[in-house]
Amino acid sequence: MRGADENGGDVRRVITRPGYENAAHDPPAVSPGARPAGPARRRSARRRGRAAGFGHNERMSQLVEDNPARHRFEILVDDALAGFVDYRQEPGVVTLVHTEVDPAFEGSGVGSALARAVLDQLRERGDRVVPQCPFIAGWIGRHPEYADLVVERP
C-alpha cells in the first residue's frame, strides 16, 4: 500500500511469508516408478508452489499495493507481479470485480495473502466492500472476521 506516514514519507505494506519449514508437510517418499512423469508431475509441483522456485525452506517477500490508475490491487512476490484484484470505486464502497493469480504462484498462498491485504487496506480506509468476485466472496465466507465489511449491492 502506498500512502504517506505522519512525516509525509512514502509508506508500503510488506508481507513476508515463511516457506514450509516443516518436513512433515512434504509428501511421503515413494518409489520412482510410482511418481507421475512429465506434465502431471509439473502440475503437482506447481500446486505446491515450487514451479516459481519457492521450495520448502525459502521465504517469499510479498507486497500488496493499490494501483489506482489501473483500478486494481496488485501483489508482487519477490518483485514479480503475481496477481491482482480489479475493482470499481464509489464513495465509501469498493466493488471487487475479479481476482487473478499467475499460474506459477497458484497453491502457494498468494491469493489468500492478496485477499487479506486488500480487505485490510479497505478497512483502514473506511471503505465497505461488494465482493462480486467469486474468489473474494468465498474467501470472506471462510474468514468471518471480514464479514462486517460486506454490503449489499447499491
N, C-alpha and C. Protein backbone atom coordinates (compact mmCIF):
# COMPACT_ATOMS: atom_id res chain seq x y z
N MET A 1 0.85 -1.17 0.00
CA MET A 1 0.00 0.00 0.00
C MET A 1 0.89 1.22 0.00
N ARG A 2 0.63 2.11 -0.87
CA ARG A 2 1.36 3.36 -0.87
C ARG A 2 0.52 4.39 -0.17
N GLY A 3 1.14 5.19 0.59
CA GLY A 3 0.46 6.27 1.31
C GLY A 3 1.50 7.15 1.93
N ALA A 4 1.09 8.01 2.81
CA ALA A 4 2.03 8.90 3.47
C ALA A 4 1.97 8.65 4.96
N ASP A 5 3.12 8.61 5.60
CA ASP A 5 3.13 8.50 7.04
C ASP A 5 2.96 9.88 7.64
N GLU A 6 3.05 9.99 8.98
CA GLU A 6 2.83 11.29 9.62
C GLU A 6 3.85 12.34 9.22
N ASN A 7 5.00 11.93 8.68
CA ASN A 7 6.02 12.87 8.24
C ASN A 7 5.97 13.12 6.74
N GLY A 8 4.96 12.59 6.06
CA GLY A 8 4.83 12.80 4.63
C GLY A 8 5.66 11.84 3.78
N GLY A 9 6.28 10.84 4.42
CA GLY A 9 7.10 9.88 3.68
C GLY A 9 6.26 8.81 3.01
N ASP A 10 6.83 8.15 2.03
CA ASP A 10 6.16 7.09 1.30
C ASP A 10 6.11 5.83 2.15
N VAL A 11 4.93 5.20 2.24
CA VAL A 11 4.74 4.02 3.07
C VAL A 11 4.21 2.89 2.20
N ARG A 12 4.75 1.69 2.36
CA ARG A 12 4.26 0.50 1.68
C ARG A 12 4.06 -0.59 2.72
N ARG A 13 3.08 -1.45 2.48
CA ARG A 13 2.85 -2.58 3.36
C ARG A 13 3.55 -3.78 2.75
N VAL A 14 4.42 -4.42 3.50
CA VAL A 14 5.15 -5.59 3.04
C VAL A 14 4.73 -6.77 3.89
N ILE A 15 4.43 -7.87 3.24
CA ILE A 15 4.05 -9.10 3.92
C ILE A 15 5.12 -10.13 3.61
N THR A 16 5.68 -10.73 4.63
CA THR A 16 6.66 -11.78 4.41
C THR A 16 6.07 -13.07 4.93
N ARG A 17 6.09 -14.07 4.10
CA ARG A 17 5.51 -15.36 4.45
C ARG A 17 6.61 -16.41 4.43
N PRO A 18 6.80 -17.12 5.54
CA PRO A 18 7.82 -18.16 5.51
C PRO A 18 7.38 -19.32 4.64
N GLY A 19 8.35 -20.00 4.08
CA GLY A 19 8.05 -21.20 3.30
C GLY A 19 7.71 -22.34 4.24
N TYR A 20 7.38 -23.46 3.69
CA TYR A 20 7.09 -24.61 4.53
C TYR A 20 8.41 -25.11 5.10
N GLU A 21 8.56 -24.93 6.39
CA GLU A 21 9.84 -25.27 7.01
C GLU A 21 9.79 -26.63 7.71
N ASN A 22 8.64 -27.24 7.75
CA ASN A 22 8.48 -28.49 8.46
C ASN A 22 8.47 -29.63 7.44
N ALA A 23 9.35 -30.58 7.61
CA ALA A 23 9.42 -31.71 6.68
C ALA A 23 8.16 -32.55 6.72
N ALA A 24 7.33 -32.39 7.76
CA ALA A 24 6.08 -33.14 7.83
C ALA A 24 5.12 -32.75 6.72
N HIS A 25 5.32 -31.57 6.12
CA HIS A 25 4.47 -31.13 5.02
C HIS A 25 4.86 -31.75 3.70
N ASP A 26 6.05 -32.30 3.61
CA ASP A 26 6.49 -32.93 2.37
C ASP A 26 5.71 -34.21 2.14
N PRO A 27 5.41 -34.52 0.89
CA PRO A 27 4.71 -35.79 0.63
C PRO A 27 5.62 -36.97 0.95
N PRO A 28 5.05 -38.09 1.32
CA PRO A 28 5.88 -39.25 1.64
C PRO A 28 6.67 -39.72 0.43
N ALA A 29 7.84 -40.26 0.69
CA ALA A 29 8.67 -40.76 -0.41
C ALA A 29 8.05 -42.03 -0.97
N VAL A 30 8.06 -42.13 -2.29
CA VAL A 30 7.54 -43.31 -2.96
C VAL A 30 8.58 -43.77 -3.96
N SER A 31 8.41 -44.97 -4.45
CA SER A 31 9.36 -45.47 -5.43
C SER A 31 9.25 -44.63 -6.70
N PRO A 32 10.36 -44.45 -7.44
CA PRO A 32 10.36 -43.60 -8.62
C PRO A 32 9.32 -44.00 -9.65
N GLY A 33 9.02 -45.28 -9.78
CA GLY A 33 8.03 -45.72 -10.75
C GLY A 33 6.61 -45.29 -10.41
N ALA A 34 6.35 -44.95 -9.15
CA ALA A 34 5.01 -44.59 -8.72
C ALA A 34 4.72 -43.11 -8.90
N ARG A 35 5.72 -42.30 -9.12
CA ARG A 35 5.52 -40.85 -9.24
C ARG A 35 5.09 -40.50 -10.66
N PRO A 36 4.22 -39.53 -10.80
CA PRO A 36 3.82 -39.13 -12.14
C PRO A 36 5.00 -38.53 -12.89
N ALA A 37 5.00 -38.71 -14.18
CA ALA A 37 6.07 -38.16 -15.00
C ALA A 37 5.53 -37.05 -15.87
N GLY A 38 6.41 -36.24 -16.39
CA GLY A 38 6.05 -35.22 -17.37
C GLY A 38 5.14 -34.15 -16.81
N PRO A 39 4.13 -33.72 -17.60
CA PRO A 39 3.28 -32.60 -17.22
C PRO A 39 2.55 -32.81 -15.90
N ALA A 40 2.12 -34.03 -15.60
CA ALA A 40 1.41 -34.27 -14.34
C ALA A 40 2.31 -33.96 -13.16
N ARG A 41 3.57 -34.30 -13.25
CA ARG A 41 4.49 -34.01 -12.16
C ARG A 41 4.72 -32.51 -12.03
N ARG A 42 4.82 -31.81 -13.16
CA ARG A 42 4.99 -30.36 -13.11
C ARG A 42 3.77 -29.68 -12.50
N ARG A 43 2.57 -30.15 -12.85
CA ARG A 43 1.35 -29.56 -12.27
C ARG A 43 1.34 -29.77 -10.76
N SER A 44 1.74 -30.95 -10.33
CA SER A 44 1.79 -31.23 -8.90
C SER A 44 2.77 -30.31 -8.20
N ALA A 45 3.92 -30.10 -8.79
CA ALA A 45 4.90 -29.19 -8.20
C ALA A 45 4.37 -27.78 -8.18
N ARG A 46 3.65 -27.38 -9.22
CA ARG A 46 3.10 -26.03 -9.28
C ARG A 46 2.10 -25.83 -8.14
N ARG A 47 1.29 -26.84 -7.86
CA ARG A 47 0.33 -26.72 -6.78
C ARG A 47 1.01 -26.52 -5.43
N ARG A 48 2.19 -27.06 -5.28
CA ARG A 48 2.92 -26.89 -4.04
C ARG A 48 3.74 -25.60 -4.05
N GLY A 49 3.66 -24.81 -5.12
CA GLY A 49 4.35 -23.53 -5.17
C GLY A 49 5.81 -23.64 -5.56
N ARG A 50 6.23 -24.76 -6.12
CA ARG A 50 7.65 -24.92 -6.43
C ARG A 50 7.99 -24.52 -7.85
N ALA A 51 7.01 -24.38 -8.73
CA ALA A 51 7.30 -24.04 -10.12
C ALA A 51 7.95 -22.66 -10.20
N ALA A 52 7.61 -21.78 -9.27
CA ALA A 52 8.16 -20.44 -9.28
C ALA A 52 9.45 -20.36 -8.47
N GLY A 53 9.95 -21.50 -8.01
CA GLY A 53 11.20 -21.50 -7.26
C GLY A 53 11.00 -21.37 -5.76
N PHE A 54 9.78 -21.58 -5.27
CA PHE A 54 9.52 -21.44 -3.85
C PHE A 54 9.52 -22.81 -3.20
N GLY A 55 10.69 -23.27 -2.83
CA GLY A 55 10.81 -24.57 -2.19
C GLY A 55 10.46 -24.47 -0.72
N HIS A 56 10.64 -25.53 0.00
CA HIS A 56 10.19 -25.60 1.37
C HIS A 56 10.95 -24.72 2.34
N ASN A 57 12.17 -24.41 2.13
CA ASN A 57 12.92 -23.64 3.11
C ASN A 57 13.23 -22.23 2.63
N GLU A 58 12.44 -21.72 1.71
CA GLU A 58 12.67 -20.39 1.19
C GLU A 58 11.59 -19.44 1.70
N ARG A 59 11.86 -18.15 1.64
CA ARG A 59 10.90 -17.13 2.06
C ARG A 59 10.48 -16.33 0.84
N MET A 60 9.21 -15.93 0.83
CA MET A 60 8.71 -15.08 -0.22
C MET A 60 8.46 -13.70 0.36
N SER A 61 8.94 -12.67 -0.31
CA SER A 61 8.64 -11.31 0.08
C SER A 61 7.43 -10.87 -0.74
N GLN A 62 6.35 -10.49 -0.07
CA GLN A 62 5.12 -10.11 -0.75
C GLN A 62 4.78 -8.66 -0.44
N LEU A 63 4.40 -7.93 -1.47
CA LEU A 63 3.99 -6.54 -1.34
C LEU A 63 2.64 -6.39 -2.03
N VAL A 64 1.66 -5.88 -1.30
CA VAL A 64 0.34 -5.62 -1.87
C VAL A 64 0.12 -4.12 -1.87
N GLU A 65 -0.18 -3.58 -3.05
CA GLU A 65 -0.40 -2.14 -3.14
C GLU A 65 -1.53 -1.82 -4.10
N ASP A 66 -2.17 -0.69 -3.84
CA ASP A 66 -3.25 -0.21 -4.69
C ASP A 66 -2.63 0.47 -5.91
N ASN A 67 -3.14 0.14 -7.09
CA ASN A 67 -2.73 0.80 -8.33
C ASN A 67 -3.97 1.51 -8.86
N PRO A 68 -4.24 2.73 -8.37
CA PRO A 68 -5.49 3.40 -8.74
C PRO A 68 -5.59 3.73 -10.23
N ALA A 69 -4.48 3.90 -10.91
CA ALA A 69 -4.50 4.18 -12.34
C ALA A 69 -5.09 3.00 -13.13
N ARG A 70 -4.89 1.78 -12.64
CA ARG A 70 -5.41 0.58 -13.31
C ARG A 70 -6.63 0.01 -12.59
N HIS A 71 -7.08 0.68 -11.52
CA HIS A 71 -8.25 0.25 -10.74
C HIS A 71 -8.07 -1.18 -10.23
N ARG A 72 -6.93 -1.43 -9.60
CA ARG A 72 -6.69 -2.76 -9.08
C ARG A 72 -5.65 -2.73 -7.97
N PHE A 73 -5.74 -3.73 -7.09
CA PHE A 73 -4.71 -4.01 -6.11
C PHE A 73 -3.81 -5.06 -6.72
N GLU A 74 -2.50 -4.91 -6.53
CA GLU A 74 -1.54 -5.86 -7.09
C GLU A 74 -0.69 -6.47 -5.99
N ILE A 75 -0.35 -7.72 -6.17
CA ILE A 75 0.58 -8.38 -5.24
C ILE A 75 1.85 -8.70 -6.01
N LEU A 76 2.96 -8.26 -5.45
CA LEU A 76 4.28 -8.53 -6.00
C LEU A 76 4.96 -9.55 -5.10
N VAL A 77 5.47 -10.60 -5.67
CA VAL A 77 6.21 -11.61 -4.93
C VAL A 77 7.64 -11.56 -5.43
N ASP A 78 8.53 -11.22 -4.54
CA ASP A 78 9.94 -11.04 -4.91
C ASP A 78 10.06 -10.16 -6.16
N ASP A 79 9.33 -9.04 -6.15
CA ASP A 79 9.33 -8.01 -7.20
C ASP A 79 8.69 -8.45 -8.51
N ALA A 80 8.02 -9.59 -8.56
CA ALA A 80 7.32 -10.04 -9.77
C ALA A 80 5.82 -9.94 -9.53
N LEU A 81 5.07 -9.42 -10.52
CA LEU A 81 3.62 -9.35 -10.40
C LEU A 81 3.07 -10.77 -10.34
N ALA A 82 2.44 -11.11 -9.22
CA ALA A 82 1.93 -12.46 -9.03
C ALA A 82 0.41 -12.53 -9.12
N GLY A 83 -0.26 -11.39 -9.00
CA GLY A 83 -1.71 -11.41 -9.08
C GLY A 83 -2.28 -10.03 -8.84
N PHE A 84 -3.61 -9.93 -9.02
CA PHE A 84 -4.27 -8.64 -8.82
C PHE A 84 -5.76 -8.86 -8.56
N VAL A 85 -6.38 -7.81 -7.99
CA VAL A 85 -7.82 -7.76 -7.79
C VAL A 85 -8.31 -6.48 -8.46
N ASP A 86 -9.13 -6.61 -9.50
CA ASP A 86 -9.74 -5.46 -10.15
C ASP A 86 -10.90 -4.95 -9.29
N TYR A 87 -11.12 -3.62 -9.30
CA TYR A 87 -12.21 -3.07 -8.51
C TYR A 87 -12.84 -1.86 -9.19
N ARG A 88 -14.04 -1.53 -8.72
CA ARG A 88 -14.73 -0.29 -9.08
C ARG A 88 -14.92 0.49 -7.80
N GLN A 89 -14.54 1.75 -7.82
CA GLN A 89 -14.60 2.60 -6.62
C GLN A 89 -15.79 3.54 -6.71
N GLU A 90 -16.57 3.58 -5.65
CA GLU A 90 -17.62 4.56 -5.46
C GLU A 90 -17.38 5.15 -4.08
N PRO A 91 -17.97 6.29 -3.77
CA PRO A 91 -17.73 6.88 -2.45
C PRO A 91 -18.10 5.91 -1.32
N GLY A 92 -17.09 5.50 -0.55
CA GLY A 92 -17.29 4.64 0.60
C GLY A 92 -17.49 3.17 0.29
N VAL A 93 -17.59 2.80 -0.99
CA VAL A 93 -17.85 1.40 -1.36
C VAL A 93 -16.92 1.00 -2.51
N VAL A 94 -16.30 -0.17 -2.35
CA VAL A 94 -15.44 -0.71 -3.40
C VAL A 94 -16.01 -2.06 -3.83
N THR A 95 -16.29 -2.19 -5.13
CA THR A 95 -16.76 -3.47 -5.67
C THR A 95 -15.56 -4.23 -6.19
N LEU A 96 -15.30 -5.39 -5.59
CA LEU A 96 -14.18 -6.23 -6.01
C LEU A 96 -14.70 -7.14 -7.12
N VAL A 97 -14.24 -6.88 -8.33
CA VAL A 97 -14.82 -7.46 -9.54
C VAL A 97 -14.18 -8.78 -9.94
N HIS A 98 -12.85 -8.85 -9.91
CA HIS A 98 -12.16 -10.02 -10.47
C HIS A 98 -10.81 -10.18 -9.79
N THR A 99 -10.45 -11.42 -9.48
CA THR A 99 -9.14 -11.74 -8.91
C THR A 99 -8.42 -12.68 -9.85
N GLU A 100 -7.14 -12.44 -10.04
CA GLU A 100 -6.34 -13.30 -10.90
C GLU A 100 -4.98 -13.52 -10.26
N VAL A 101 -4.53 -14.78 -10.22
CA VAL A 101 -3.20 -15.13 -9.72
C VAL A 101 -2.46 -15.84 -10.84
N ASP A 102 -1.23 -15.43 -11.08
CA ASP A 102 -0.41 -16.06 -12.11
C ASP A 102 -0.29 -17.56 -11.80
N PRO A 103 -0.46 -18.41 -12.81
CA PRO A 103 -0.39 -19.86 -12.58
C PRO A 103 0.89 -20.32 -11.89
N ALA A 104 1.98 -19.62 -12.09
CA ALA A 104 3.23 -20.02 -11.44
C ALA A 104 3.18 -19.85 -9.93
N PHE A 105 2.22 -19.07 -9.43
CA PHE A 105 2.12 -18.81 -7.99
C PHE A 105 0.92 -19.50 -7.35
N GLU A 106 0.13 -20.22 -8.13
CA GLU A 106 -1.02 -20.92 -7.57
C GLU A 106 -0.57 -21.96 -6.56
N GLY A 107 -1.34 -22.10 -5.51
CA GLY A 107 -1.05 -23.10 -4.50
C GLY A 107 -0.02 -22.68 -3.47
N SER A 108 0.47 -21.46 -3.57
CA SER A 108 1.49 -21.00 -2.62
C SER A 108 0.94 -19.97 -1.65
N GLY A 109 -0.37 -19.77 -1.62
CA GLY A 109 -0.98 -18.84 -0.67
C GLY A 109 -1.03 -17.40 -1.13
N VAL A 110 -0.66 -17.14 -2.37
CA VAL A 110 -0.63 -15.77 -2.88
C VAL A 110 -2.04 -15.19 -2.95
N GLY A 111 -3.01 -15.98 -3.40
CA GLY A 111 -4.39 -15.49 -3.49
C GLY A 111 -4.94 -15.11 -2.14
N SER A 112 -4.70 -15.93 -1.14
CA SER A 112 -5.17 -15.63 0.22
C SER A 112 -4.48 -14.40 0.79
N ALA A 113 -3.17 -14.30 0.57
CA ALA A 113 -2.43 -13.13 1.06
C ALA A 113 -2.96 -11.86 0.40
N LEU A 114 -3.26 -11.96 -0.89
CA LEU A 114 -3.80 -10.82 -1.63
C LEU A 114 -5.17 -10.43 -1.08
N ALA A 115 -6.06 -11.40 -0.91
CA ALA A 115 -7.40 -11.11 -0.39
C ALA A 115 -7.32 -10.46 0.99
N ARG A 116 -6.51 -11.03 1.88
CA ARG A 116 -6.40 -10.49 3.24
C ARG A 116 -5.86 -9.05 3.22
N ALA A 117 -4.82 -8.81 2.45
CA ALA A 117 -4.22 -7.47 2.42
C ALA A 117 -5.17 -6.44 1.81
N VAL A 118 -5.88 -6.83 0.75
CA VAL A 118 -6.84 -5.91 0.12
C VAL A 118 -7.92 -5.53 1.12
N LEU A 119 -8.50 -6.53 1.79
CA LEU A 119 -9.57 -6.25 2.74
C LEU A 119 -9.06 -5.45 3.93
N ASP A 120 -7.85 -5.73 4.39
CA ASP A 120 -7.26 -4.93 5.48
C ASP A 120 -7.08 -3.48 5.07
N GLN A 121 -6.60 -3.25 3.86
CA GLN A 121 -6.39 -1.88 3.39
C GLN A 121 -7.72 -1.15 3.23
N LEU A 122 -8.73 -1.84 2.71
CA LEU A 122 -10.03 -1.20 2.57
C LEU A 122 -10.64 -0.88 3.92
N ARG A 123 -10.44 -1.76 4.89
CA ARG A 123 -10.92 -1.50 6.26
C ARG A 123 -10.22 -0.26 6.83
N GLU A 124 -8.91 -0.16 6.65
CA GLU A 124 -8.16 1.00 7.14
C GLU A 124 -8.66 2.30 6.52
N ARG A 125 -9.05 2.26 5.25
CA ARG A 125 -9.55 3.46 4.57
C ARG A 125 -10.99 3.78 4.94
N GLY A 126 -11.66 2.85 5.61
CA GLY A 126 -13.05 3.07 5.99
C GLY A 126 -14.04 2.72 4.90
N ASP A 127 -13.60 1.99 3.89
CA ASP A 127 -14.48 1.60 2.79
C ASP A 127 -15.22 0.31 3.13
N ARG A 128 -16.37 0.13 2.51
CA ARG A 128 -17.12 -1.11 2.58
C ARG A 128 -16.89 -1.86 1.28
N VAL A 129 -17.28 -3.14 1.22
CA VAL A 129 -16.93 -4.00 0.09
C VAL A 129 -18.17 -4.68 -0.48
N VAL A 130 -18.24 -4.73 -1.81
CA VAL A 130 -19.20 -5.58 -2.52
C VAL A 130 -18.35 -6.66 -3.20
N PRO A 131 -18.35 -7.89 -2.66
CA PRO A 131 -17.50 -8.95 -3.21
C PRO A 131 -18.15 -9.63 -4.42
N GLN A 132 -18.10 -8.97 -5.56
CA GLN A 132 -18.66 -9.55 -6.80
C GLN A 132 -17.83 -10.73 -7.29
N CYS A 133 -16.53 -10.69 -7.04
CA CYS A 133 -15.63 -11.76 -7.45
C CYS A 133 -15.90 -13.02 -6.61
N PRO A 134 -16.12 -14.18 -7.25
CA PRO A 134 -16.39 -15.41 -6.50
C PRO A 134 -15.26 -15.81 -5.56
N PHE A 135 -14.00 -15.57 -5.96
CA PHE A 135 -12.89 -15.94 -5.09
C PHE A 135 -12.93 -15.12 -3.80
N ILE A 136 -13.10 -13.80 -3.93
CA ILE A 136 -13.14 -12.93 -2.75
C ILE A 136 -14.36 -13.26 -1.89
N ALA A 137 -15.51 -13.47 -2.52
CA ALA A 137 -16.72 -13.81 -1.76
C ALA A 137 -16.52 -15.11 -0.98
N GLY A 138 -15.93 -16.11 -1.61
CA GLY A 138 -15.65 -17.37 -0.93
C GLY A 138 -14.64 -17.21 0.19
N TRP A 139 -13.63 -16.38 -0.04
CA TRP A 139 -12.60 -16.15 0.97
C TRP A 139 -13.21 -15.49 2.20
N ILE A 140 -14.06 -14.50 1.97
CA ILE A 140 -14.73 -13.83 3.10
C ILE A 140 -15.63 -14.83 3.83
N GLY A 141 -16.29 -15.72 3.09
CA GLY A 141 -17.12 -16.74 3.73
C GLY A 141 -16.32 -17.66 4.65
N ARG A 142 -15.06 -17.90 4.32
CA ARG A 142 -14.20 -18.75 5.16
C ARG A 142 -13.50 -17.96 6.25
N HIS A 143 -13.60 -16.62 6.21
CA HIS A 143 -12.95 -15.75 7.20
C HIS A 143 -13.98 -14.74 7.70
N PRO A 144 -14.86 -15.18 8.60
CA PRO A 144 -15.97 -14.33 9.03
C PRO A 144 -15.56 -13.03 9.71
N GLU A 145 -14.31 -12.91 10.10
CA GLU A 145 -13.85 -11.65 10.71
C GLU A 145 -13.87 -10.50 9.71
N TYR A 146 -14.06 -10.79 8.43
CA TYR A 146 -14.15 -9.75 7.41
C TYR A 146 -15.59 -9.51 6.94
N ALA A 147 -16.55 -10.24 7.47
CA ALA A 147 -17.96 -10.14 7.03
C ALA A 147 -18.53 -8.75 7.30
N ASP A 148 -18.02 -8.06 8.31
CA ASP A 148 -18.54 -6.73 8.62
C ASP A 148 -18.24 -5.70 7.52
N LEU A 149 -17.32 -5.99 6.63
CA LEU A 149 -17.00 -5.07 5.53
C LEU A 149 -18.00 -5.16 4.38
N VAL A 150 -18.74 -6.27 4.31
CA VAL A 150 -19.59 -6.56 3.16
C VAL A 150 -20.90 -5.77 3.24
N VAL A 151 -21.26 -5.18 2.10
CA VAL A 151 -22.56 -4.52 1.95
C VAL A 151 -23.24 -5.11 0.74
N GLU A 152 -24.56 -5.04 0.72
CA GLU A 152 -25.32 -5.48 -0.43
C GLU A 152 -25.09 -4.49 -1.56
N ARG A 153 -25.30 -4.95 -2.78
CA ARG A 153 -25.15 -4.06 -3.93
C ARG A 153 -26.11 -2.90 -3.80
N PRO A 154 -25.61 -1.69 -4.11
CA PRO A 154 -26.48 -0.50 -4.00
C PRO A 154 -27.60 -0.51 -5.02
